[in-house]
Amino acid sequence: MLTGEVTHQLDDRARVAVPKAWRQLFDHGGFLTRGWYGCLFLLTHHEWMKLAERLDEWPLTSIKADKVRSFFSGGVEVWLDKQGRVVLPATLRQYAGIEKDVVVRAVMKRVEIWSKERWEAYQAEHFAPDRIMADLSEFENGIAGQQTAEE
């Protein structure tokens, strides 16, 4: 499981460093694609393939599957260089509004790459203490409800 958050800057070749503790997960490469809320997702090769296999089970005529396929169509295979950096292609940088300062954060099975400005705006809106408490309460009640239903 991936956890943590760091702030970096793109270098002059549009590369960003992946924290050292996470790099071994990308020994077999990874995939970079458009994420939710205007960030980029960096997934290990293994996680990407698991998602692709699940998507392949959906019928070609499924509208929902077609929306998910767009997630894959924006993806690009990437490899970390010897210094643990990954190149962010221009189209993905544009999508995410990344120019220089970035936040690289680990969220369980994926790495998110945000423009620092966009991340700060997202955080201000979604991570206000009262909102976190409300969401945690809902999450805990949902788990308790599931356990009761299962017993």
N, C-alpha and C. Protein backbone atom coordinates (compact mmCIF):
# COMPACT_ATOMS: atom_id res chain seq x y z
N MET A 1 0.84 -1.17 0.00
CA MET A 1 0.00 0.00 0.00
C MET A 1 0.89 1.23 0.00
N LEU A 2 0.54 2.18 -0.84
CA LEU A 2 1.30 3.42 -0.96
C LEU A 2 0.70 4.50 -0.06
N THR A 3 1.55 5.23 0.63
CA THR A 3 1.11 6.38 1.42
C THR A 3 2.18 7.45 1.37
N GLY A 4 1.76 8.68 1.58
CA GLY A 4 2.70 9.79 1.65
C GLY A 4 2.40 10.88 0.64
N GLU A 5 3.08 11.99 0.81
CA GLU A 5 2.87 13.16 -0.06
C GLU A 5 4.13 14.02 -0.04
N VAL A 6 4.57 14.43 -1.23
CA VAL A 6 5.74 15.31 -1.35
C VAL A 6 5.46 16.39 -2.40
N THR A 7 6.18 17.48 -2.29
CA THR A 7 6.11 18.55 -3.26
C THR A 7 7.41 18.57 -4.05
N HIS A 8 7.29 18.68 -5.37
CA HIS A 8 8.46 18.71 -6.25
C HIS A 8 8.26 19.80 -7.30
N GLN A 9 9.28 19.97 -8.13
CA GLN A 9 9.17 20.83 -9.31
C GLN A 9 9.54 20.00 -10.53
N LEU A 10 8.84 20.29 -11.63
CA LEU A 10 9.25 19.66 -12.89
C LEU A 10 10.61 20.19 -13.26
N ASP A 11 11.44 19.34 -13.83
CA ASP A 11 12.71 19.84 -14.33
C ASP A 11 12.52 20.36 -15.76
N ASP A 12 13.59 20.79 -16.41
CA ASP A 12 13.48 21.40 -17.74
C ASP A 12 13.06 20.41 -18.82
N ARG A 13 13.03 19.12 -18.50
CA ARG A 13 12.58 18.10 -19.46
C ARG A 13 11.21 17.53 -19.08
N ALA A 14 10.49 18.25 -18.23
CA ALA A 14 9.13 17.86 -17.79
C ALA A 14 9.12 16.54 -17.03
N ARG A 15 10.15 16.32 -16.23
CA ARG A 15 10.23 15.11 -15.41
C ARG A 15 9.96 15.46 -13.96
N VAL A 16 9.35 14.51 -13.26
CA VAL A 16 9.12 14.67 -11.83
C VAL A 16 9.61 13.41 -11.13
N ALA A 17 10.18 13.60 -9.95
CA ALA A 17 10.73 12.47 -9.20
C ALA A 17 9.63 11.73 -8.44
N VAL A 18 9.72 10.42 -8.49
CA VAL A 18 8.87 9.56 -7.68
C VAL A 18 9.65 9.28 -6.40
N PRO A 19 9.03 9.45 -5.24
CA PRO A 19 9.76 9.22 -3.99
C PRO A 19 10.43 7.83 -3.96
N LYS A 20 11.60 7.82 -3.39
CA LYS A 20 12.44 6.62 -3.38
C LYS A 20 11.72 5.39 -2.82
N ALA A 21 10.93 5.58 -1.78
CA ALA A 21 10.23 4.46 -1.14
C ALA A 21 9.22 3.78 -2.07
N TRP A 22 8.77 4.46 -3.11
CA TRP A 22 7.75 3.91 -4.01
C TRP A 22 8.35 3.34 -5.30
N ARG A 23 9.58 3.64 -5.58
CA ARG A 23 10.17 3.34 -6.89
C ARG A 23 10.20 1.86 -7.24
N GLN A 24 10.47 1.00 -6.25
CA GLN A 24 10.57 -0.43 -6.56
C GLN A 24 9.26 -0.97 -7.12
N LEU A 25 8.14 -0.35 -6.83
CA LEU A 25 6.86 -0.81 -7.38
C LEU A 25 6.76 -0.58 -8.88
N PHE A 26 7.62 0.30 -9.39
CA PHE A 26 7.59 0.63 -10.82
C PHE A 26 8.77 0.02 -11.58
N ASP A 27 9.38 -1.02 -11.00
CA ASP A 27 10.48 -1.71 -11.67
C ASP A 27 10.09 -2.27 -13.03
N HIS A 28 8.82 -2.62 -13.19
CA HIS A 28 8.33 -3.17 -14.46
C HIS A 28 7.54 -2.12 -15.23
N GLY A 29 7.82 -0.86 -14.95
CA GLY A 29 7.13 0.23 -15.64
C GLY A 29 5.80 0.55 -14.99
N GLY A 30 5.10 1.46 -15.62
CA GLY A 30 3.81 1.88 -15.12
C GLY A 30 3.04 2.59 -16.22
N PHE A 31 1.89 3.09 -15.86
CA PHE A 31 1.05 3.82 -16.80
C PHE A 31 0.61 5.13 -16.16
N LEU A 32 0.71 6.18 -16.94
CA LEU A 32 0.31 7.51 -16.53
C LEU A 32 -0.92 7.88 -17.34
N THR A 33 -1.96 8.38 -16.66
CA THR A 33 -3.19 8.73 -17.36
C THR A 33 -3.93 9.85 -16.63
N ARG A 34 -5.00 10.31 -17.26
CA ARG A 34 -5.85 11.34 -16.66
C ARG A 34 -6.54 10.75 -15.43
N GLY A 35 -6.46 11.46 -14.34
CA GLY A 35 -7.13 11.02 -13.11
C GLY A 35 -8.38 11.84 -12.86
N TRP A 36 -8.98 11.60 -11.73
CA TRP A 36 -10.18 12.34 -11.36
C TRP A 36 -9.79 13.72 -10.85
N TYR A 37 -10.68 14.64 -10.95
CA TYR A 37 -10.54 15.99 -10.39
C TYR A 37 -9.36 16.78 -10.94
N GLY A 38 -8.88 16.41 -12.12
CA GLY A 38 -7.83 17.19 -12.76
C GLY A 38 -6.41 16.86 -12.36
N CYS A 39 -6.19 15.68 -11.81
CA CYS A 39 -4.82 15.26 -11.51
C CYS A 39 -4.44 14.16 -12.50
N LEU A 40 -3.23 13.65 -12.36
CA LEU A 40 -2.78 12.50 -13.15
C LEU A 40 -2.66 11.30 -12.22
N PHE A 41 -2.93 10.12 -12.76
CA PHE A 41 -2.73 8.88 -12.02
C PHE A 41 -1.50 8.18 -12.59
N LEU A 42 -0.66 7.70 -11.72
CA LEU A 42 0.45 6.84 -12.09
C LEU A 42 0.17 5.49 -11.43
N LEU A 43 -0.05 4.49 -12.27
CA LEU A 43 -0.37 3.14 -11.79
C LEU A 43 0.76 2.19 -12.14
N THR A 44 0.98 1.22 -11.27
CA THR A 44 1.96 0.19 -11.61
C THR A 44 1.45 -0.60 -12.81
N HIS A 45 2.36 -1.26 -13.48
CA HIS A 45 1.99 -2.10 -14.61
C HIS A 45 0.96 -3.14 -14.17
N HIS A 46 1.18 -3.73 -13.02
CA HIS A 46 0.28 -4.76 -12.48
C HIS A 46 -1.13 -4.22 -12.27
N GLU A 47 -1.25 -3.06 -11.62
CA GLU A 47 -2.58 -2.48 -11.36
C GLU A 47 -3.28 -2.10 -12.66
N TRP A 48 -2.54 -1.55 -13.61
CA TRP A 48 -3.11 -1.18 -14.90
C TRP A 48 -3.70 -2.41 -15.61
N MET A 49 -2.94 -3.50 -15.59
CA MET A 49 -3.39 -4.72 -16.26
C MET A 49 -4.60 -5.32 -15.55
N LYS A 50 -4.65 -5.25 -14.23
CA LYS A 50 -5.82 -5.74 -13.50
C LYS A 50 -7.07 -4.96 -13.91
N LEU A 51 -6.95 -3.64 -14.00
CA LEU A 51 -8.09 -2.81 -14.43
C LEU A 51 -8.48 -3.13 -15.87
N ALA A 52 -7.50 -3.30 -16.72
CA ALA A 52 -7.77 -3.60 -18.13
C ALA A 52 -8.50 -4.93 -18.28
N GLU A 53 -8.10 -5.93 -17.50
CA GLU A 53 -8.77 -7.24 -17.56
C GLU A 53 -10.23 -7.13 -17.12
N ARG A 54 -10.47 -6.34 -16.07
CA ARG A 54 -11.86 -6.16 -15.62
C ARG A 54 -12.69 -5.44 -16.66
N LEU A 55 -12.11 -4.44 -17.28
CA LEU A 55 -12.81 -3.70 -18.32
C LEU A 55 -13.12 -4.57 -19.52
N ASP A 56 -12.20 -5.47 -19.84
CA ASP A 56 -12.37 -6.36 -20.99
C ASP A 56 -13.58 -7.29 -20.83
N GLU A 57 -14.03 -7.48 -19.60
CA GLU A 57 -15.18 -8.34 -19.34
C GLU A 57 -16.51 -7.62 -19.65
N TRP A 58 -16.50 -6.30 -19.73
CA TRP A 58 -17.72 -5.55 -20.02
C TRP A 58 -18.03 -5.63 -21.51
N PRO A 59 -19.31 -5.63 -21.85
CA PRO A 59 -19.67 -5.67 -23.28
C PRO A 59 -19.22 -4.42 -24.02
N LEU A 60 -18.87 -4.59 -25.26
CA LEU A 60 -18.43 -3.49 -26.10
C LEU A 60 -19.50 -2.41 -26.22
N THR A 61 -20.76 -2.78 -26.10
CA THR A 61 -21.87 -1.84 -26.27
C THR A 61 -22.23 -1.08 -24.99
N SER A 62 -21.55 -1.35 -23.89
CA SER A 62 -21.85 -0.69 -22.62
C SER A 62 -21.37 0.76 -22.63
N ILE A 63 -22.30 1.68 -22.36
CA ILE A 63 -21.96 3.11 -22.28
C ILE A 63 -21.01 3.36 -21.11
N LYS A 64 -21.27 2.72 -19.97
CA LYS A 64 -20.39 2.89 -18.81
C LYS A 64 -18.97 2.41 -19.13
N ALA A 65 -18.89 1.27 -19.81
CA ALA A 65 -17.57 0.75 -20.17
C ALA A 65 -16.86 1.71 -21.11
N ASP A 66 -17.61 2.34 -21.99
CA ASP A 66 -17.01 3.29 -22.92
C ASP A 66 -16.41 4.47 -22.18
N LYS A 67 -17.08 4.92 -21.13
CA LYS A 67 -16.53 6.02 -20.31
C LYS A 67 -15.23 5.58 -19.64
N VAL A 68 -15.20 4.35 -19.17
CA VAL A 68 -13.99 3.84 -18.52
C VAL A 68 -12.88 3.66 -19.56
N ARG A 69 -13.24 3.26 -20.77
CA ARG A 69 -12.24 3.11 -21.82
C ARG A 69 -11.53 4.43 -22.11
N SER A 70 -12.22 5.55 -21.92
CA SER A 70 -11.57 6.85 -22.15
C SER A 70 -10.45 7.08 -21.14
N PHE A 71 -10.59 6.50 -19.96
CA PHE A 71 -9.53 6.55 -18.96
C PHE A 71 -8.27 5.88 -19.52
N PHE A 72 -8.46 4.74 -20.20
CA PHE A 72 -7.35 4.01 -20.78
C PHE A 72 -6.80 4.69 -22.02
N SER A 73 -7.66 5.31 -22.80
CA SER A 73 -7.18 5.91 -24.05
C SER A 73 -6.23 7.07 -23.80
N GLY A 74 -6.32 7.70 -22.65
CA GLY A 74 -5.41 8.79 -22.32
C GLY A 74 -4.13 8.32 -21.69
N GLY A 75 -3.99 7.03 -21.50
CA GLY A 75 -2.84 6.49 -20.80
C GLY A 75 -1.61 6.33 -21.67
N VAL A 76 -0.47 6.42 -21.03
CA VAL A 76 0.81 6.23 -21.72
C VAL A 76 1.71 5.39 -20.80
N GLU A 77 2.38 4.43 -21.40
CA GLU A 77 3.31 3.61 -20.63
C GLU A 77 4.55 4.44 -20.31
N VAL A 78 5.02 4.34 -19.07
CA VAL A 78 6.18 5.12 -18.63
C VAL A 78 7.15 4.22 -17.87
N TRP A 79 8.39 4.67 -17.85
CA TRP A 79 9.45 4.01 -17.11
C TRP A 79 10.18 5.07 -16.30
N LEU A 80 10.56 4.73 -15.09
CA LEU A 80 11.36 5.65 -14.29
C LEU A 80 12.79 5.61 -14.80
N ASP A 81 13.44 6.78 -14.84
CA ASP A 81 14.85 6.79 -15.22
C ASP A 81 15.70 6.40 -14.01
N LYS A 82 17.01 6.43 -14.14
CA LYS A 82 17.91 5.98 -13.07
C LYS A 82 17.79 6.81 -11.80
N GLN A 83 17.32 8.05 -11.95
CA GLN A 83 17.12 8.92 -10.78
C GLN A 83 15.69 8.85 -10.24
N GLY A 84 14.89 7.93 -10.78
CA GLY A 84 13.52 7.75 -10.29
C GLY A 84 12.54 8.80 -10.78
N ARG A 85 12.83 9.40 -11.93
CA ARG A 85 11.95 10.43 -12.49
C ARG A 85 11.11 9.84 -13.61
N VAL A 86 9.94 10.44 -13.79
CA VAL A 86 9.06 10.04 -14.88
C VAL A 86 8.74 11.30 -15.70
N VAL A 87 8.71 11.14 -17.02
CA VAL A 87 8.39 12.26 -17.91
C VAL A 87 6.88 12.41 -17.97
N LEU A 88 6.40 13.64 -17.82
CA LEU A 88 4.98 13.94 -17.96
C LEU A 88 4.75 14.50 -19.35
N PRO A 89 4.08 13.75 -20.24
CA PRO A 89 3.83 14.23 -21.60
C PRO A 89 3.02 15.53 -21.60
N ALA A 90 3.22 16.34 -22.64
CA ALA A 90 2.58 17.65 -22.74
C ALA A 90 1.07 17.57 -22.63
N THR A 91 0.44 16.59 -23.28
CA THR A 91 -1.03 16.50 -23.24
C THR A 91 -1.53 16.24 -21.83
N LEU A 92 -0.82 15.42 -21.08
CA LEU A 92 -1.24 15.14 -19.71
C LEU A 92 -0.93 16.31 -18.78
N ARG A 93 0.20 17.00 -19.02
CA ARG A 93 0.49 18.20 -18.22
C ARG A 93 -0.59 19.25 -18.44
N GLN A 94 -1.01 19.40 -19.69
CA GLN A 94 -2.06 20.38 -20.00
C GLN A 94 -3.36 20.00 -19.30
N TYR A 95 -3.75 18.74 -19.38
CA TYR A 95 -4.97 18.27 -18.72
C TYR A 95 -4.94 18.61 -17.22
N ALA A 96 -3.80 18.37 -16.58
CA ALA A 96 -3.68 18.55 -15.13
C ALA A 96 -3.28 19.96 -14.72
N GLY A 97 -3.04 20.84 -15.69
CA GLY A 97 -2.65 22.20 -15.35
C GLY A 97 -1.28 22.28 -14.71
N ILE A 98 -0.41 21.33 -15.02
CA ILE A 98 0.92 21.29 -14.41
C ILE A 98 1.89 22.11 -15.24
N GLU A 99 2.52 23.07 -14.55
CA GLU A 99 3.52 23.90 -15.21
C GLU A 99 4.88 23.74 -14.55
N LYS A 100 4.95 23.88 -13.23
CA LYS A 100 6.24 23.78 -12.54
C LYS A 100 6.13 23.03 -11.21
N ASP A 101 5.37 23.59 -10.27
CA ASP A 101 5.26 22.99 -8.94
C ASP A 101 4.21 21.89 -8.94
N VAL A 102 4.59 20.73 -8.40
CA VAL A 102 3.67 19.59 -8.37
C VAL A 102 3.63 18.97 -6.97
N VAL A 103 2.52 18.33 -6.69
CA VAL A 103 2.37 17.53 -5.48
C VAL A 103 2.23 16.09 -5.94
N VAL A 104 3.07 15.23 -5.38
CA VAL A 104 3.04 13.80 -5.70
C VAL A 104 2.57 13.12 -4.44
N ARG A 105 1.41 12.44 -4.55
CA ARG A 105 0.85 11.80 -3.36
C ARG A 105 0.47 10.37 -3.67
N ALA A 106 0.63 9.53 -2.67
CA ALA A 106 0.30 8.12 -2.82
C ALA A 106 -1.05 7.86 -2.18
N VAL A 107 -1.90 7.16 -2.92
CA VAL A 107 -3.24 6.86 -2.43
C VAL A 107 -3.48 5.36 -2.62
N MET A 108 -3.01 4.59 -1.70
CA MET A 108 -3.17 3.14 -1.64
C MET A 108 -2.53 2.42 -2.84
N LYS A 109 -3.22 2.32 -3.97
CA LYS A 109 -2.69 1.55 -5.11
C LYS A 109 -2.29 2.44 -6.27
N ARG A 110 -2.29 3.74 -6.08
CA ARG A 110 -1.92 4.62 -7.18
C ARG A 110 -1.15 5.82 -6.63
N VAL A 111 -0.44 6.47 -7.54
CA VAL A 111 0.22 7.73 -7.24
C VAL A 111 -0.56 8.80 -8.00
N GLU A 112 -0.85 9.90 -7.33
CA GLU A 112 -1.50 11.04 -7.98
C GLU A 112 -0.47 12.15 -8.13
N ILE A 113 -0.52 12.81 -9.28
CA ILE A 113 0.37 13.94 -9.55
C ILE A 113 -0.51 15.14 -9.85
N TRP A 114 -0.41 16.16 -9.02
CA TRP A 114 -1.25 17.34 -9.10
C TRP A 114 -0.41 18.59 -9.37
N SER A 115 -0.99 19.57 -10.03
CA SER A 115 -0.36 20.89 -9.99
C SER A 115 -0.54 21.37 -8.55
N LYS A 116 0.45 22.03 -8.01
CA LYS A 116 0.38 22.46 -6.62
C LYS A 116 -0.83 23.35 -6.39
N GLU A 117 -1.09 24.26 -7.32
CA GLU A 117 -2.22 25.18 -7.17
C GLU A 117 -3.55 24.43 -7.16
N ARG A 118 -3.70 23.48 -8.08
CA ARG A 118 -4.95 22.71 -8.16
C ARG A 118 -5.13 21.86 -6.91
N TRP A 119 -4.04 21.26 -6.40
CA TRP A 119 -4.12 20.45 -5.20
C TRP A 119 -4.54 21.30 -4.00
N GLU A 120 -3.95 22.47 -3.86
CA GLU A 120 -4.31 23.34 -2.74
C GLU A 120 -5.78 23.75 -2.81
N ALA A 121 -6.29 24.05 -3.99
CA ALA A 121 -7.70 24.41 -4.15
C ALA A 121 -8.60 23.21 -3.82
N TYR A 122 -8.23 22.04 -4.30
CA TYR A 122 -9.01 20.83 -4.03
C TYR A 122 -9.03 20.54 -2.53
N GLN A 123 -7.87 20.65 -1.91
CA GLN A 123 -7.75 20.42 -0.47
C GLN A 123 -8.62 21.38 0.33
N ALA A 124 -8.58 22.66 -0.04
CA ALA A 124 -9.36 23.67 0.68
C ALA A 124 -10.86 23.36 0.61
N GLU A 125 -11.29 22.86 -0.52
CA GLU A 125 -12.72 22.56 -0.70
C GLU A 125 -13.13 21.25 -0.04
N HIS A 126 -12.31 20.23 -0.19
CA HIS A 126 -12.73 18.88 0.22
C HIS A 126 -12.17 18.41 1.55
N PHE A 127 -11.14 19.05 2.06
CA PHE A 127 -10.52 18.57 3.29
C PHE A 127 -10.72 19.51 4.48
N ALA A 128 -11.78 20.29 4.44
CA ALA A 128 -12.11 21.12 5.59
C ALA A 128 -12.44 20.19 6.76
N PRO A 129 -12.01 20.52 7.99
CA PRO A 129 -12.22 19.61 9.13
C PRO A 129 -13.67 19.14 9.31
N ASP A 130 -14.65 20.02 9.13
CA ASP A 130 -16.04 19.60 9.31
C ASP A 130 -16.47 18.61 8.23
N ARG A 131 -15.95 18.78 7.03
CA ARG A 131 -16.29 17.85 5.95
C ARG A 131 -15.64 16.48 6.19
N ILE A 132 -14.41 16.48 6.66
CA ILE A 132 -13.73 15.22 6.95
C ILE A 132 -14.48 14.46 8.04
N MET A 133 -14.89 15.15 9.08
CA MET A 133 -15.62 14.49 10.17
C MET A 133 -16.95 13.91 9.67
N ALA A 134 -17.66 14.65 8.84
CA ALA A 134 -18.93 14.16 8.30
C ALA A 134 -18.69 12.92 7.43
N ASP A 135 -17.66 12.96 6.59
CA ASP A 135 -17.36 11.83 5.72
C ASP A 135 -16.92 10.60 6.53
N LEU A 136 -16.09 10.83 7.55
CA LEU A 136 -15.66 9.72 8.41
C LEU A 136 -16.83 9.10 9.15
N SER A 137 -17.72 9.93 9.62
CA SER A 137 -18.91 9.43 10.31
C SER A 137 -19.75 8.57 9.37
N GLU A 138 -19.95 9.06 8.16
CA GLU A 138 -20.72 8.30 7.16
C GLU A 138 -20.02 6.98 6.84
N PHE A 139 -18.70 7.02 6.70
CA PHE A 139 -17.91 5.82 6.41
C PHE A 139 -18.04 4.80 7.54
N GLU A 140 -17.87 5.27 8.78
CA GLU A 140 -17.97 4.37 9.93
C GLU A 140 -19.37 3.78 10.05
N ASN A 141 -20.39 4.59 9.84
CA ASN A 141 -21.77 4.09 9.91
C ASN A 141 -22.03 3.08 8.80
N GLY A 142 -21.46 3.31 7.64
CA GLY A 142 -21.62 2.36 6.54
C GLY A 142 -20.98 1.03 6.86
N ILE A 143 -19.80 1.05 7.47
CA ILE A 143 -19.13 -0.19 7.85
C ILE A 143 -19.93 -0.91 8.92
N ALA A 144 -20.39 -0.16 9.93
CA ALA A 144 -21.18 -0.77 11.00
C ALA A 144 -22.46 -1.38 10.43
N GLY A 145 -23.09 -0.70 9.49
CA GLY A 145 -24.30 -1.20 8.86
C GLY A 145 -24.05 -2.47 8.08
N GLN A 146 -22.90 -2.53 7.39
CA GLN A 146 -22.54 -3.74 6.64
C GLN A 146 -22.29 -4.92 7.56
N GLN A 147 -21.61 -4.66 8.68
CA GLN A 147 -21.33 -5.74 9.62
C GLN A 147 -22.61 -6.28 10.23
N THR A 148 -23.56 -5.40 10.56
CA THR A 148 -24.82 -5.84 11.12
C THR A 148 -25.59 -6.67 10.11
N ALA A 149 -25.60 -6.25 8.85
CA ALA A 149 -26.31 -6.99 7.81
C ALA A 149 -25.68 -8.35 7.54
N GLU A 150 -24.36 -8.45 7.72
CA GLU A 150 -23.66 -9.70 7.45
C GLU A 150 -23.81 -10.70 8.59
N GLU A 151 -24.06 -10.22 9.81
CA GLU A 151 -24.13 -11.10 10.99
C GLU A 151 -25.39 -11.90 11.05
